[in-house]
Each structure stands twice: as structure tokens, then as C-alpha cells.
Amino acid sequence: MTRRIRLVLAASVASVLATLGVVVVLLHDGASAAESSCARTQAASVARASIVTGHGPRTLVIGDSWAAGFGLWNIGRSFPSYLPGRVHVAAFSGSGFSEGATHCRHESYADRAPEALRGGASLVVVEGGLNDTDQPPADVVSGFHRLMSVLHGHRVVVIGPTAAPKRGDSVYPVDALLARLCAAARVPYMSTLGIELPYQGDRLHPTADGAGIFGEAVAHWIQTQA
């Protein structure tokens, strides 16, 4: 083998190794970024859980960023604060009924419900669906059944996704699916597609006024289910 060929081969090998190194670094950086994102979301979840509003029997809200108060100056005024009872919130932004709604592990509604129920609840309000719009329907069904199994024996109501502009028409199949699942499980279901709300700049989350409108609408509907 000539010296020139050896140099070319060495350069090629070095190039391949360098490329692999870049890929490994990118994968590591991506994983680190995802972990950091999940840690921040978890911290926000804990912060919202520490805020208890209202008086009376314990109401537990299991939900997503709408319950967590994402983007609101005062997260304690997210929509659950308008609900009846002494309201506790178990919310994780990006989560949903399906396991894959969020890239953060073990944060689906069914995953979080056992811990959230430790304090008991006279009413469990499950809110969501906006993060399930890109998930396989079978995963939503599976997640719903898992959740209902955990909540068995409790009074449960389900609040469906709004027609958030960013989600477009993708919310309608999820709303219809949740309505069918709740009917089969004999769980009251509130479709919120007809509620007009002001949204933040991301066209996905309600403004403070929107959270109030949504919360009051849900509270009124819950009272009709008593």
C-alpha cells in the first residue's frame, strides 16, 4: 500500500469517526435538552399543585397546560380556580390521555392519577385532549381506559378540548372519541368546542380572561351534573 493510499484511508476513517462523534454529541445534546424541558415542566407542575383554591369538599383536577396555567402571570388563576370545592390541581403541560402525548416519561393522566388521588377526592375533573390530536386513536382509548380504572369508585367528569386555533380541525375527532368513550363508561362529558375564548399569542392557551371564561363555563356545567 502506497503512502498516498494510506493517507487517504486514514483521512476517510478520521472523517467517519468525526461524523459519528458529531452524531453522538447531537443525540446527547438532544436528550439533555429533552430532560431539561421535562424538569422545567415538572417544576411548573409542582408549583401549580402547591396552590389550593376554594373551600369545601376536595375537588381534584387532572389536566394539561390549561390546568397548569401555562403563560399566565398568575398560575393560581388558571381555570380550576373557578371550580367548586377545595380545588387541588395535578397538571402537567403537554400531557394527555395517551402515553405519547408528551415526550416526558410516565406523565400521562393514568400515570399521574394514583399519586394525585392520595388525598382523596369528592369530585375528579379530567381536562384535556388538545395534546392527543396527533396520537393514534387506539392510544387515546387505551389511556382513557387505564385512567378510568384508576378513578374507579370516584365521581368523575371529563372536560374535552376547545377549538384552539393552533390545533385546527384536529380537535374534532378527539372530541368525538372522548364523547363516545365517556358515554360507554357512563361518565359525564362536556364538549367545549362551542366556547369562544381569547387566546395567547401561541393560539393554543387562553389568556387570563379566557381562563376565567372557560373556568366559569366548566363550573356552571358541573353544577348541572349534581
C-alpha atoms as a PDB file:
ATOM      1  CA  MET A   1       0.000   0.000   0.000  1.00  0.00           C
ATOM      2  CA  THR A   2       1.482   3.311  -1.041  1.00  0.00           C
ATOM      3  CA  ARG A   3       1.880   6.157   1.379  1.00  0.00           C
ATOM      4  CA  ARG A   4      -0.685   8.208  -0.572  1.00  0.00           C
ATOM      5  CA  ILE A   5      -3.333   5.475  -0.289  1.00  0.00           C
ATOM      6  CA  ARG A   6      -2.653   5.073   3.418  1.00  0.00           C
ATOM      7  CA  LEU A   7      -3.087   8.799   3.935  1.00  0.00           C
ATOM      8  CA  VAL A   8      -6.395   8.805   2.003  1.00  0.00           C
ATOM      9  CA  LEU A   9      -7.697   5.829   4.014  1.00  0.00           C
ATOM     10  CA  ALA A  10      -6.634   7.419   7.278  1.00  0.00           C
ATOM     11  CA  ALA A  11      -8.359  10.657   6.337  1.00  0.00           C
ATOM     12  CA  SER A  12     -11.532   8.772   5.410  1.00  0.00           C
ATOM     13  CA  VAL A  13     -11.576   6.858   8.680  1.00  0.00           C
ATOM     14  CA  ALA A  14     -10.967  10.059  10.618  1.00  0.00           C
ATOM     15  CA  SER A  15     -13.817  11.725   8.758  1.00  0.00           C
ATOM     16  CA  VAL A  16     -16.197   8.868   9.546  1.00  0.00           C
ATOM     17  CA  LEU A  17     -15.205   8.854  13.213  1.00  0.00           C
ATOM     18  CA  ALA A  18     -15.609  12.602  13.393  1.00  0.00           C
ATOM     19  CA  THR A  19     -19.086  12.350  11.846  1.00  0.00           C
ATOM     20  CA  LEU A  20     -20.070   9.641  14.310  1.00  0.00           C
ATOM     21  CA  GLY A  21     -18.763  11.808  17.100  1.00  0.00           C
ATOM     22  CA  VAL A  22     -20.919  14.699  15.938  1.00  0.00           C
ATOM     23  CA  VAL A  23     -23.960  12.411  15.787  1.00  0.00           C
ATOM     24  CA  VAL A  24     -23.305  11.133  19.311  1.00  0.00           C
ATOM     25  CA  VAL A  25     -22.882  14.697  20.589  1.00  0.00           C
ATOM     26  CA  LEU A  26     -26.094  15.815  18.885  1.00  0.00           C
ATOM     27  CA  LEU A  27     -28.009  12.864  20.305  1.00  0.00           C
ATOM     28  CA  HIS A  28     -26.616  13.569  23.750  1.00  0.00           C
ATOM     29  CA  ASP A  29     -27.440  17.258  23.476  1.00  0.00           C
ATOM     30  CA  GLY A  30     -30.946  16.393  22.272  1.00  0.00           C
ATOM     31  CA  ALA A  31     -31.509  14.019  25.177  1.00  0.00           C
ATOM     32  CA  SER A  32     -30.157  16.591  27.623  1.00  0.00           C
ATOM     33  CA  ALA A  33     -32.457  19.271  26.201  1.00  0.00           C
ATOM     34  CA  ALA A  34     -35.454  16.945  26.484  1.00  0.00           C
ATOM     35  CA  GLU A  35     -34.573  16.084  30.075  1.00  0.00           C
ATOM     36  CA  SER A  36     -34.163  19.769  30.898  1.00  0.00           C
ATOM     37  CA  SER A  37     -37.538  20.551  29.323  1.00  0.00           C
ATOM     38  CA  CYS A  38     -39.234  17.807  31.336  1.00  0.00           C
ATOM     39  CA  ALA A  39     -37.564  19.043  34.526  1.00  0.00           C
ATOM     40  CA  ARG A  40     -38.877  22.570  33.929  1.00  0.00           C
ATOM     41  CA  THR A  41     -42.355  21.265  33.211  1.00  0.00           C
ATOM     42  CA  GLN A  42     -42.248  19.134  36.343  1.00  0.00           C
ATOM     43  CA  ALA A  43     -41.221  22.162  38.404  1.00  0.00           C
ATOM     44  CA  ALA A  44     -44.163  24.118  36.975  1.00  0.00           C
ATOM     45  CA  SER A  45     -46.442  21.187  37.809  1.00  0.00           C
ATOM     46  CA  VAL A  46     -45.254  21.160  41.410  1.00  0.00           C
ATOM     47  CA  ALA A  47     -45.703  24.929  41.651  1.00  0.00           C
ATOM     48  CA  ARG A  48     -49.320  24.706  40.487  1.00  0.00           C
ATOM     49  CA  ALA A  49     -50.028  21.746  42.773  1.00  0.00           C
ATOM     50  CA  SER A  50     -48.927  23.835  45.747  1.00  0.00           C
ATOM     51  CA  ILE A  51     -51.759  26.306  45.099  1.00  0.00           C
ATOM     52  CA  VAL A  52     -55.098  25.224  46.555  1.00  0.00           C
ATOM     53  CA  THR A  53     -58.184  27.363  45.965  1.00  0.00           C
ATOM     54  CA  GLY A  54     -61.723  27.444  47.277  1.00  0.00           C
ATOM     55  CA  HIS A  55     -63.446  25.774  50.185  1.00  0.00           C
ATOM     56  CA  GLY A  56     -65.495  22.670  50.814  1.00  0.00           C
ATOM     57  CA  PRO A  57     -65.196  19.075  49.581  1.00  0.00           C
ATOM     58  CA  ARG A  58     -61.950  18.194  47.821  1.00  0.00           C
ATOM     59  CA  THR A  59     -62.038  18.610  44.042  1.00  0.00           C
ATOM     60  CA  LEU A  60     -59.145  17.150  42.084  1.00  0.00           C
ATOM     61  CA  VAL A  61     -58.314  18.417  38.586  1.00  0.00           C
ATOM     62  CA  ILE A  62     -56.156  16.209  36.374  1.00  0.00           C
ATOM     63  CA  GLY A  63     -55.119  18.072  33.268  1.00  0.00           C
ATOM     64  CA  ASP A  64     -52.596  19.660  30.948  1.00  0.00           C
ATOM     65  CA  SER A  65     -51.156  23.145  30.447  1.00  0.00           C
ATOM     66  CA  TRP A  66     -54.615  24.716  30.655  1.00  0.00           C
ATOM     67  CA  ALA A  67     -54.934  23.491  34.233  1.00  0.00           C
ATOM     68  CA  ALA A  68     -51.294  24.335  34.954  1.00  0.00           C
ATOM     69  CA  GLY A  69     -51.807  27.949  33.878  1.00  0.00           C
ATOM     70  CA  PHE A  70     -49.178  27.976  31.138  1.00  0.00           C
ATOM     71  CA  GLY A  71     -48.362  31.516  30.054  1.00  0.00           C
ATOM     72  CA  LEU A  72     -50.451  33.180  32.769  1.00  0.00           C
ATOM     73  CA  TRP A  73     -48.890  35.783  35.036  1.00  0.00           C
ATOM     74  CA  ASN A  74     -50.744  34.215  37.968  1.00  0.00           C
ATOM     75  CA  ILE A  75     -50.878  30.444  37.522  1.00  0.00           C
ATOM     76  CA  GLY A  76     -53.148  30.251  40.541  1.00  0.00           C
ATOM     77  CA  ARG A  77     -55.892  31.759  38.365  1.00  0.00           C
ATOM     78  CA  SER A  78     -55.890  29.027  35.762  1.00  0.00           C
ATOM     79  CA  PHE A  79     -59.367  27.651  35.070  1.00  0.00           C
ATOM     80  CA  PRO A  80     -59.510  25.172  38.030  1.00  0.00           C
ATOM     81  CA  SER A  81     -59.579  28.105  40.471  1.00  0.00           C
ATOM     82  CA  TYR A  82     -63.120  28.845  39.280  1.00  0.00           C
ATOM     83  CA  LEU A  83     -64.421  25.369  40.097  1.00  0.00           C
ATOM     84  CA  PRO A  84     -66.457  24.447  43.183  1.00  0.00           C
ATOM     85  CA  GLY A  85     -64.892  22.907  46.291  1.00  0.00           C
ATOM     86  CA  ARG A  86     -61.383  22.968  47.693  1.00  0.00           C
ATOM     87  CA  VAL A  87     -59.545  22.539  44.410  1.00  0.00           C
ATOM     88  CA  HIS A  88     -56.265  20.658  44.034  1.00  0.00           C
ATOM     89  CA  VAL A  89     -54.549  20.554  40.636  1.00  0.00           C
ATOM     90  CA  ALA A  90     -52.437  17.742  39.180  1.00  0.00           C
ATOM     91  CA  ALA A  91     -51.423  19.253  35.852  1.00  0.00           C
ATOM     92  CA  PHE A  92     -48.515  18.596  33.525  1.00  0.00           C
ATOM     93  CA  SER A  93     -48.116  20.722  30.400  1.00  0.00           C
ATOM     94  CA  GLY A  94     -48.097  18.699  27.185  1.00  0.00           C
ATOM     95  CA  SER A  95     -49.712  15.635  28.717  1.00  0.00           C
ATOM     96  CA  GLY A  96     -52.906  13.903  27.717  1.00  0.00           C
ATOM     97  CA  PHE A  97     -54.851  10.674  27.791  1.00  0.00           C
ATOM     98  CA  SER A  98     -52.353   8.900  25.549  1.00  0.00           C
ATOM     99  CA  GLU A  99     -48.901   7.904  26.740  1.00  0.00           C
ATOM    100  CA  GLY A 100     -47.224   9.592  23.771  1.00  0.00           C
ATOM    101  CA  ALA A 101     -48.904  12.986  24.125  1.00  0.00           C
ATOM    102  CA  THR A 102     -45.758  14.196  25.893  1.00  0.00           C
ATOM    103  CA  HIS A 103     -42.156  13.113  25.386  1.00  0.00           C
ATOM    104  CA  CYS A 104     -41.713  13.166  29.162  1.00  0.00           C
ATOM    105  CA  ARG A 105     -41.963   9.659  30.576  1.00  0.00           C
ATOM    106  CA  HIS A 106     -44.775   8.490  32.850  1.00  0.00           C
ATOM    107  CA  GLU A 107     -46.747  11.730  32.694  1.00  0.00           C
ATOM    108  CA  SER A 108     -49.978  10.593  31.034  1.00  0.00           C
ATOM    109  CA  TYR A 109     -53.153  11.139  33.037  1.00  0.00           C
ATOM    110  CA  ALA A 110     -53.320   7.487  34.045  1.00  0.00           C
ATOM    111  CA  ASP A 111     -49.687   7.563  35.173  1.00  0.00           C
ATOM    112  CA  ARG A 112     -50.220  10.576  37.423  1.00  0.00           C
ATOM    113  CA  ALA A 113     -53.674   9.779  38.793  1.00  0.00           C
ATOM    114  CA  PRO A 114     -52.674   7.348  41.607  1.00  0.00           C
ATOM    115  CA  GLU A 115     -50.395   9.918  43.242  1.00  0.00           C
ATOM    116  CA  ALA A 116     -52.936  12.699  42.763  1.00  0.00           C
ATOM    117  CA  LEU A 117     -55.664  10.629  44.443  1.00  0.00           C
ATOM    118  CA  ARG A 118     -53.728  10.043  47.643  1.00  0.00           C
ATOM    119  CA  GLY A 119     -55.552  12.896  49.313  1.00  0.00           C
ATOM    120  CA  GLY A 120     -58.915  11.572  48.174  1.00  0.00           C
ATOM    121  CA  ALA A 121     -61.482  13.488  46.144  1.00  0.00           C
ATOM    122  CA  SER A 122     -65.214  14.010  46.199  1.00  0.00           C
ATOM    123  CA  LEU A 123     -65.007  15.042  42.536  1.00  0.00           C
ATOM    124  CA  VAL A 124     -62.372  14.365  39.890  1.00  0.00           C
ATOM    125  CA  VAL A 125     -62.329  16.702  36.892  1.00  0.00           C
ATOM    126  CA  VAL A 126     -60.303  15.380  33.962  1.00  0.00           C
ATOM    127  CA  GLU A 127     -59.494  18.067  31.395  1.00  0.00           C
ATOM    128  CA  GLY A 128     -57.659  17.614  28.126  1.00  0.00           C
ATOM    129  CA  GLY A 129     -57.408  16.281  24.621  1.00  0.00           C
ATOM    130  CA  LEU A 130     -55.503  19.080  22.894  1.00  0.00           C
ATOM    131  CA  ASN A 131     -52.258  17.131  23.214  1.00  0.00           C
ATOM    132  CA  ASP A 132     -53.831  13.940  21.906  1.00  0.00           C
ATOM    133  CA  THR A 133     -54.706  15.327  18.491  1.00  0.00           C
ATOM    134  CA  ASP A 134     -51.618  13.811  16.818  1.00  0.00           C
ATOM    135  CA  GLN A 135     -51.778  10.498  18.671  1.00  0.00           C
ATOM    136  CA  PRO A 136     -53.205   7.191  17.370  1.00  0.00           C
ATOM    137  CA  PRO A 137     -56.853   6.855  18.471  1.00  0.00           C
ATOM    138  CA  ALA A 138     -56.056   3.417  19.890  1.00  0.00           C
ATOM    139  CA  ASP A 139     -53.557   5.041  22.281  1.00  0.00           C
ATOM    140  CA  VAL A 140     -56.162   7.558  23.426  1.00  0.00           C
ATOM    141  CA  VAL A 141     -58.635   4.728  24.020  1.00  0.00           C
ATOM    142  CA  SER A 142     -56.067   2.714  25.961  1.00  0.00           C
ATOM    143  CA  GLY A 143     -55.077   5.710  28.073  1.00  0.00           C
ATOM    144  CA  PHE A 144     -58.704   6.564  28.790  1.00  0.00           C
ATOM    145  CA  HIS A 145     -59.493   3.045  29.988  1.00  0.00           C
ATOM    146  CA  ARG A 146     -56.374   2.963  32.162  1.00  0.00           C
ATOM    147  CA  LEU A 147     -57.380   6.265  33.717  1.00  0.00           C
ATOM    148  CA  MET A 148     -60.952   5.184  34.382  1.00  0.00           C
ATOM    149  CA  SER A 149     -59.631   2.036  36.039  1.00  0.00           C
ATOM    150  CA  VAL A 150     -57.561   4.164  38.438  1.00  0.00           C
ATOM    151  CA  LEU A 151     -60.504   6.505  39.093  1.00  0.00           C
ATOM    152  CA  HIS A 152     -62.999   3.700  39.654  1.00  0.00           C
ATOM    153  CA  GLY A 153     -65.260   4.441  42.607  1.00  0.00           C
ATOM    154  CA  HIS A 154     -64.855   8.225  42.367  1.00  0.00           C
ATOM    155  CA  ARG A 155     -67.238  10.771  40.928  1.00  0.00           C
ATOM    156  CA  VAL A 156     -65.617  11.741  37.608  1.00  0.00           C
ATOM    157  CA  VAL A 157     -66.405  14.250  34.872  1.00  0.00           C
ATOM    158  CA  VAL A 158     -64.393  14.805  31.692  1.00  0.00           C
ATOM    159  CA  ILE A 159     -63.867  18.165  30.001  1.00  0.00           C
ATOM    160  CA  GLY A 160     -62.915  17.931  26.334  1.00  0.00           C
ATOM    161  CA  PRO A 161     -60.597  20.092  24.202  1.00  0.00           C
ATOM    162  CA  THR A 162     -61.517  23.540  22.962  1.00  0.00           C
ATOM    163  CA  ALA A 163     -61.313  24.625  19.338  1.00  0.00           C
ATOM    164  CA  ALA A 164     -57.897  26.212  19.909  1.00  0.00           C
ATOM    165  CA  PRO A 165     -56.867  27.903  16.628  1.00  0.00           C
ATOM    166  CA  LYS A 166     -53.445  26.244  16.570  1.00  0.00           C
ATOM    167  CA  ARG A 167     -54.971  22.756  16.535  1.00  0.00           C
ATOM    168  CA  GLY A 168     -57.377  23.475  13.679  1.00  0.00           C
ATOM    169  CA  ASP A 169     -59.796  20.706  12.777  1.00  0.00           C
ATOM    170  CA  SER A 170     -57.731  18.055  14.552  1.00  0.00           C
ATOM    171  CA  VAL A 171     -59.656  18.602  17.797  1.00  0.00           C
ATOM    172  CA  TYR A 172     -62.963  17.373  16.377  1.00  0.00           C
ATOM    173  CA  PRO A 173     -62.065  13.667  16.092  1.00  0.00           C
ATOM    174  CA  VAL A 174     -60.627  13.717  19.627  1.00  0.00           C
ATOM    175  CA  ASP A 175     -63.768  15.406  20.967  1.00  0.00           C
ATOM    176  CA  ALA A 176     -65.974  12.822  19.265  1.00  0.00           C
ATOM    177  CA  LEU A 177     -63.827   9.937  20.522  1.00  0.00           C
ATOM    178  CA  LEU A 178     -63.856  11.179  24.112  1.00  0.00           C
ATOM    179  CA  ALA A 179     -67.616  11.695  23.939  1.00  0.00           C
ATOM    180  CA  ARG A 180     -68.100   8.077  22.844  1.00  0.00           C
ATOM    181  CA  LEU A 181     -65.728   6.725  25.475  1.00  0.00           C
ATOM    182  CA  CYS A 182     -67.420   8.699  28.244  1.00  0.00           C
ATOM    183  CA  ALA A 183     -70.880   7.610  27.111  1.00  0.00           C
ATOM    184  CA  ALA A 184     -69.802   3.963  27.202  1.00  0.00           C
ATOM    185  CA  ALA A 185     -68.231   4.443  30.653  1.00  0.00           C
ATOM    186  CA  ARG A 186     -71.248   6.428  31.894  1.00  0.00           C
ATOM    187  CA  VAL A 187     -69.060   9.394  32.727  1.00  0.00           C
ATOM    188  CA  PRO A 188     -70.452  12.910  32.119  1.00  0.00           C
ATOM    189  CA  TYR A 189     -68.664  14.607  29.245  1.00  0.00           C
ATOM    190  CA  MET A 190     -68.533  18.324  28.460  1.00  0.00           C
ATOM    191  CA  SER A 191     -67.674  19.276  24.896  1.00  0.00           C
ATOM    192  CA  THR A 192     -66.127  22.742  24.910  1.00  0.00           C
ATOM    193  CA  LEU A 193     -65.849  23.263  21.160  1.00  0.00           C
ATOM    194  CA  GLY A 194     -68.541  25.927  21.186  1.00  0.00           C
ATOM    195  CA  ILE A 195     -66.890  28.125  23.807  1.00  0.00           C
ATOM    196  CA  GLU A 196     -65.318  31.235  22.278  1.00  0.00           C
ATOM    197  CA  LEU A 197     -62.206  32.361  24.117  1.00  0.00           C
ATOM    198  CA  PRO A 198     -59.411  34.909  23.806  1.00  0.00           C
ATOM    199  CA  TYR A 199     -56.084  33.121  23.292  1.00  0.00           C
ATOM    200  CA  GLN A 200     -52.477  33.999  23.963  1.00  0.00           C
ATOM    201  CA  GLY A 201     -50.132  34.698  21.079  1.00  0.00           C
ATOM    202  CA  ASP A 202     -49.429  30.986  20.648  1.00  0.00           C
ATOM    203  CA  ARG A 203     -53.090  30.473  19.636  1.00  0.00           C
ATOM    204  CA  LEU A 204     -53.218  27.452  21.939  1.00  0.00           C
ATOM    205  CA  HIS A 205     -53.520  28.676  25.524  1.00  0.00           C
ATOM    206  CA  PRO A 206     -56.166  31.002  26.959  1.00  0.00           C
ATOM    207  CA  THR A 207     -55.407  34.466  28.243  1.00  0.00           C
ATOM    208  CA  ALA A 208     -56.246  35.284  31.861  1.00  0.00           C
ATOM    209  CA  ASP A 209     -59.701  36.404  30.724  1.00  0.00           C
ATOM    210  CA  GLY A 210     -60.018  33.241  28.653  1.00  0.00           C
ATOM    211  CA  ALA A 211     -59.143  31.083  31.650  1.00  0.00           C
ATOM    212  CA  GLY A 212     -61.887  32.821  33.592  1.00  0.00           C
ATOM    213  CA  ILE A 213     -64.485  32.322  30.873  1.00  0.00           C
ATOM    214  CA  PHE A 214     -63.523  28.676  30.497  1.00  0.00           C
ATOM    215  CA  GLY A 215     -63.464  28.047  34.241  1.00  0.00           C
ATOM    216  CA  GLU A 216     -66.847  29.638  34.816  1.00  0.00           C
ATOM    217  CA  ALA A 217     -68.368  27.642  31.949  1.00  0.00           C
ATOM    218  CA  VAL A 218     -66.978  24.394  33.368  1.00  0.00           C
ATOM    219  CA  ALA A 219     -68.141  25.299  36.893  1.00  0.00           C
ATOM    220  CA  HIS A 220     -71.660  26.016  35.651  1.00  0.00           C
ATOM    221  CA  TRP A 221     -71.751  22.738  33.729  1.00  0.00           C
ATOM    222  CA  ILE A 222     -70.550  20.760  36.762  1.00  0.00           C
ATOM    223  CA  GLN A 223     -73.371  22.231  38.829  1.00  0.00           C
ATOM    224  CA  THR A 224     -75.874  20.925  36.281  1.00  0.00           C
ATOM    225  CA  GLN A 225     -74.464  17.409  36.766  1.00  0.00           C
ATOM    226  CA  ALA A 226     -75.123  17.345  40.516  1.00  0.00           C
END
